[in-house]
């Protein structure tokens, strides 16, 4: 399993997933210590509209701009809110499922199921879904190398707390070493910056698709 830490500052917005009908974007917020930066807001954009938005300050979930506090379902999405713990978001088209966790005034985002992603899915996380990549583990089992598309990126093994069924489990995760995932992603991390939280695609991806 791969994890990422992407360099940025409070207010920055990055695209995690970009596909035919959906995008997932996140906004960074400043940490309590005044130095760290965390994921503070997640938006699931469907067909150009901000369908689901999750915020950490305060802990809130919105579907079509209406606040949801428990279970909600319509023709596009099912949202299950576990207050103070996590939110499960299941889209019907495409058939994908995400989970957003509330962790000490910030958020974590996970792809639970991506069966409905197209072969063209991209974004900081999405580009790995259909990608051929290999992890070469060092002799100490703590460091490794990610090889993808002729590039290489350093990896560090870390212990993580993952969502699992209706609870959590402790497991290890290969984390891209350093705050700018050079060599791991197709473009520089700044290419995935968005102007607004509900923007449908990064500007560079729009340009490439139009060529």
Protein backbone atom coordinates (compact mmCIF):
# COMPACT_ATOMS: atom_id res chain seq x y z
CA UNK A 1 0.00 0.00 0.00
CA UNK A 2 1.25 3.48 -0.90
CA UNK A 3 0.88 6.70 1.13
CA UNK A 4 1.78 10.27 0.24
CA UNK A 5 2.75 13.44 2.03
CA UNK A 6 2.50 16.37 -0.38
CA UNK A 7 4.13 19.70 0.38
CA UNK A 8 1.82 22.70 0.52
CA UNK A 9 0.62 25.58 2.65
CA UNK A 10 -2.66 26.47 4.33
CA UNK A 11 -5.26 27.33 1.70
CA UNK A 12 -3.69 25.23 -1.07
CA UNK A 13 -6.10 22.96 -2.97
CA UNK A 14 -4.93 19.74 -4.65
CA UNK A 15 -6.61 17.23 -6.95
CA UNK A 16 -6.46 13.64 -5.66
CA UNK A 17 -8.67 11.96 -8.27
CA UNK A 18 -9.80 13.09 -11.71
CA UNK A 19 -11.91 10.85 -13.96
CA UNK A 20 -14.64 11.08 -16.58
CA UNK A 21 -17.48 12.10 -14.25
CA UNK A 22 -15.81 12.84 -10.91
CA UNK A 23 -13.00 14.66 -9.20
CA UNK A 24 -11.87 14.61 -5.58
CA UNK A 25 -10.12 17.73 -4.30
CA UNK A 26 -8.69 18.62 -0.88
CA UNK A 27 -7.93 21.91 0.84
CA UNK A 28 -5.08 22.30 3.32
CA UNK A 29 -5.43 24.01 6.69
CA UNK A 30 -2.87 25.15 9.25
CA UNK A 31 -2.15 22.94 12.27
CA UNK A 32 -2.49 23.89 15.92
CA UNK A 33 1.28 24.34 16.27
CA UNK A 34 1.35 27.07 13.63
CA UNK A 35 3.83 25.15 11.47
CA UNK A 36 2.24 21.93 10.25
CA UNK A 37 -0.31 21.74 7.43
CA UNK A 38 -3.12 19.19 7.24
CA UNK A 39 -5.99 18.13 5.02
CA UNK A 40 -8.95 20.16 6.26
CA UNK A 41 -11.62 19.87 3.58
CA UNK A 42 -12.56 17.26 0.96
CA UNK A 43 -14.89 17.78 -2.00
CA UNK A 44 -16.30 15.10 -4.30
CA UNK A 45 -17.22 16.79 -7.59
CA UNK A 46 -19.70 14.93 -9.82
CA UNK A 47 -20.34 16.11 -13.40
CA UNK A 48 -18.94 19.55 -12.58
CA UNK A 49 -20.97 20.08 -9.40
CA UNK A 50 -19.84 19.87 -5.79
CA UNK A 51 -21.83 16.80 -4.69
CA UNK A 52 -20.27 16.00 -1.29
CA UNK A 53 -18.14 18.22 0.91
CA UNK A 54 -16.54 17.22 4.22
CA UNK A 55 -14.94 19.75 6.58
CA UNK A 56 -12.87 19.28 9.74
CA UNK A 57 -13.50 22.66 11.42
CA UNK A 58 -16.22 22.15 12.41
CA UNK A 59 -16.78 18.46 11.60
CA UNK A 60 -19.49 18.69 8.95
CA UNK A 61 -20.77 16.83 5.90
CA UNK A 62 -22.75 18.46 3.09
CA UNK A 63 -24.56 16.87 0.15
CA UNK A 64 -25.63 19.38 -2.51
CA UNK A 65 -24.86 22.14 0.06
CA UNK A 66 -27.32 20.66 2.60
CA UNK A 67 -25.82 19.43 5.86
CA UNK A 68 -26.15 15.70 6.55
CA UNK A 69 -25.70 14.25 10.05
CA UNK A 70 -26.46 10.55 9.55
CA UNK A 71 -27.36 8.26 6.66
CA UNK A 72 -28.35 9.84 3.34
CA UNK A 73 -29.06 8.39 -0.09
CA UNK A 74 -30.26 9.70 -3.45
CA UNK A 75 -29.92 8.68 -7.10
CA UNK A 76 -26.25 9.71 -7.22
CA UNK A 77 -24.67 8.91 -3.88
CA UNK A 78 -25.00 7.18 -0.53
CA UNK A 79 -23.40 8.91 2.46
CA UNK A 80 -23.05 7.33 5.88
CA UNK A 81 -21.90 9.74 8.61
CA UNK A 82 -20.43 8.34 11.82
CA UNK A 83 -20.11 11.52 13.88
CA UNK A 84 -16.63 12.20 15.20
CA UNK A 85 -15.23 9.15 13.43
CA UNK A 86 -15.61 8.83 9.66
CA UNK A 87 -17.79 9.35 6.57
CA UNK A 88 -18.37 6.72 3.89
CA UNK A 89 -19.18 8.06 0.41
CA UNK A 90 -20.42 5.63 -2.26
CA UNK A 91 -21.12 6.93 -5.75
CA UNK A 92 -23.39 5.09 -8.17
CA UNK A 93 -21.79 6.42 -11.37
CA UNK A 94 -18.99 5.57 -11.40
CA UNK A 95 -19.17 2.71 -8.91
CA UNK A 96 -16.56 3.90 -6.42
CA UNK A 97 -16.39 4.27 -2.66
CA UNK A 98 -14.34 6.61 -0.47
CA UNK A 99 -13.86 7.06 3.24
CA UNK A 100 -12.96 10.32 4.99
CA UNK A 101 -11.81 10.13 8.62
CA UNK A 102 -11.92 12.84 11.26
CA UNK A 103 -8.55 12.86 13.07
CA UNK A 104 -7.84 15.56 15.67
CA UNK A 105 -9.30 18.49 13.68
CA UNK A 106 -8.01 17.30 10.30
CA UNK A 107 -9.02 14.69 7.72
CA UNK A 108 -7.63 11.57 6.08
CA UNK A 109 -8.87 10.28 2.72
CA UNK A 110 -8.98 6.64 1.53
CA UNK A 111 -10.08 4.89 -1.66
CA UNK A 112 -12.13 1.94 -0.39
CA UNK A 113 -13.23 0.67 -3.83
CA UNK A 114 -12.32 1.96 -7.28
CA UNK A 115 -13.91 -0.66 -9.52
CA UNK A 116 -15.73 2.03 -11.49
CA UNK A 117 -12.67 4.10 -12.37
CA UNK A 118 -11.91 4.39 -16.07
CA UNK A 119 -8.54 3.58 -17.62
CA UNK A 120 -7.89 7.35 -17.80
CA UNK A 121 -8.25 8.08 -14.08
CA UNK A 122 -5.61 10.52 -12.87
CA UNK A 123 -4.84 12.91 -10.02
CA UNK A 124 -2.24 12.61 -7.26
CA UNK A 125 -3.79 9.31 -6.11
CA UNK A 126 -5.91 8.28 -9.09
CA UNK A 127 -2.94 7.84 -11.46
CA UNK A 128 -1.80 4.83 -9.43
CA UNK A 129 -5.06 2.90 -9.74
CA UNK A 130 -4.41 1.42 -13.18
CA UNK A 131 -0.66 2.02 -13.17
CA UNK A 132 2.01 -0.66 -13.47
CA UNK A 133 4.47 0.03 -10.68
CA UNK A 134 6.87 -2.06 -8.64
CA UNK A 135 8.29 -1.69 -5.16
CA UNK A 136 11.82 -2.94 -4.58
CA UNK A 137 12.38 -3.57 -0.88
CA UNK A 138 15.77 -2.98 0.76
CA UNK A 139 17.55 -5.59 2.86
CA UNK A 140 16.48 -3.90 6.10
CA UNK A 141 12.76 -4.00 5.06
CA UNK A 142 12.47 -0.34 6.10
CA UNK A 143 13.47 1.45 2.91
CA UNK A 144 12.47 0.77 -0.66
CA UNK A 145 12.32 2.13 -4.21
CA UNK A 146 9.14 2.75 -6.20
CA UNK A 147 9.69 2.20 -9.92
CA UNK A 148 7.08 3.53 -12.31
CA UNK A 149 7.22 4.61 -15.97
CA UNK A 150 11.01 4.56 -15.97
CA UNK A 151 11.23 6.76 -12.87
CA UNK A 152 12.25 5.97 -9.31
CA UNK A 153 11.21 7.40 -5.93
CA UNK A 154 12.51 6.62 -2.44
CA UNK A 155 10.09 4.91 -0.01
CA UNK A 156 10.01 4.59 3.77
CA UNK A 157 7.98 1.96 5.64
CA UNK A 158 5.65 3.47 8.28
CA UNK A 159 3.02 2.17 10.65
CA UNK A 160 -0.47 3.45 9.86
CA UNK A 161 -3.99 3.15 11.28
CA UNK A 162 -6.30 2.08 8.44
CA UNK A 163 -10.08 1.92 8.12
CA UNK A 164 -11.14 -1.72 7.95
CA UNK A 165 -14.76 -2.83 7.60
CA UNK A 166 -16.51 -1.13 10.56
CA UNK A 167 -13.37 -0.47 12.58
CA UNK A 168 -9.64 0.01 12.12
CA UNK A 169 -6.49 -2.02 11.93
CA UNK A 170 -2.81 -1.24 12.38
CA UNK A 171 -0.78 -1.99 9.30
CA UNK A 172 2.34 -0.87 7.47
CA UNK A 173 2.43 1.46 4.51
CA UNK A 174 5.09 2.43 2.01
CA UNK A 175 5.32 6.22 2.23
CA UNK A 176 6.89 8.30 -0.52
CA UNK A 177 9.94 9.82 1.15
CA UNK A 178 9.97 13.62 1.23
CA UNK A 179 7.18 16.14 0.91
CA UNK A 180 7.39 16.52 -2.86
CA UNK A 181 6.73 13.11 -4.47
CA UNK A 182 9.32 13.61 -7.25
CA UNK A 183 9.68 10.54 -9.43
CA UNK A 184 6.46 8.98 -8.13
CA UNK A 185 3.85 11.10 -9.89
CA UNK A 186 3.61 12.06 -13.56
CA UNK A 187 4.03 15.81 -13.06
CA UNK A 188 5.34 18.09 -10.32
CA UNK A 189 2.98 18.22 -7.34
CA UNK A 190 2.20 21.89 -8.11
CA UNK A 191 0.60 20.79 -11.42
CA UNK A 192 -2.21 19.22 -9.38
CA UNK A 193 -3.11 22.50 -7.68
CA UNK A 194 -6.67 23.70 -8.16
CA UNK A 195 -8.11 27.22 -8.11
CA UNK A 196 -11.29 26.22 -6.28
CA UNK A 197 -12.36 23.26 -4.19
CA UNK A 198 -15.13 22.36 -6.67
CA UNK A 199 -13.03 22.64 -9.83
CA UNK A 200 -13.59 19.58 -12.04
CA UNK A 201 -10.06 18.94 -13.38
CA UNK A 202 -6.51 20.31 -12.99
CA UNK A 203 -5.65 22.82 -15.71
CA UNK A 204 -2.79 20.68 -17.05
CA UNK A 205 -5.08 17.65 -17.45
CA UNK A 206 -7.68 19.73 -19.29
CA UNK A 207 -4.96 20.90 -21.68
CA UNK A 208 -3.64 17.38 -22.31
CA UNK A 209 -7.13 15.98 -22.96
CA UNK A 210 -7.84 18.71 -25.50
CA UNK A 211 -4.65 18.04 -27.49
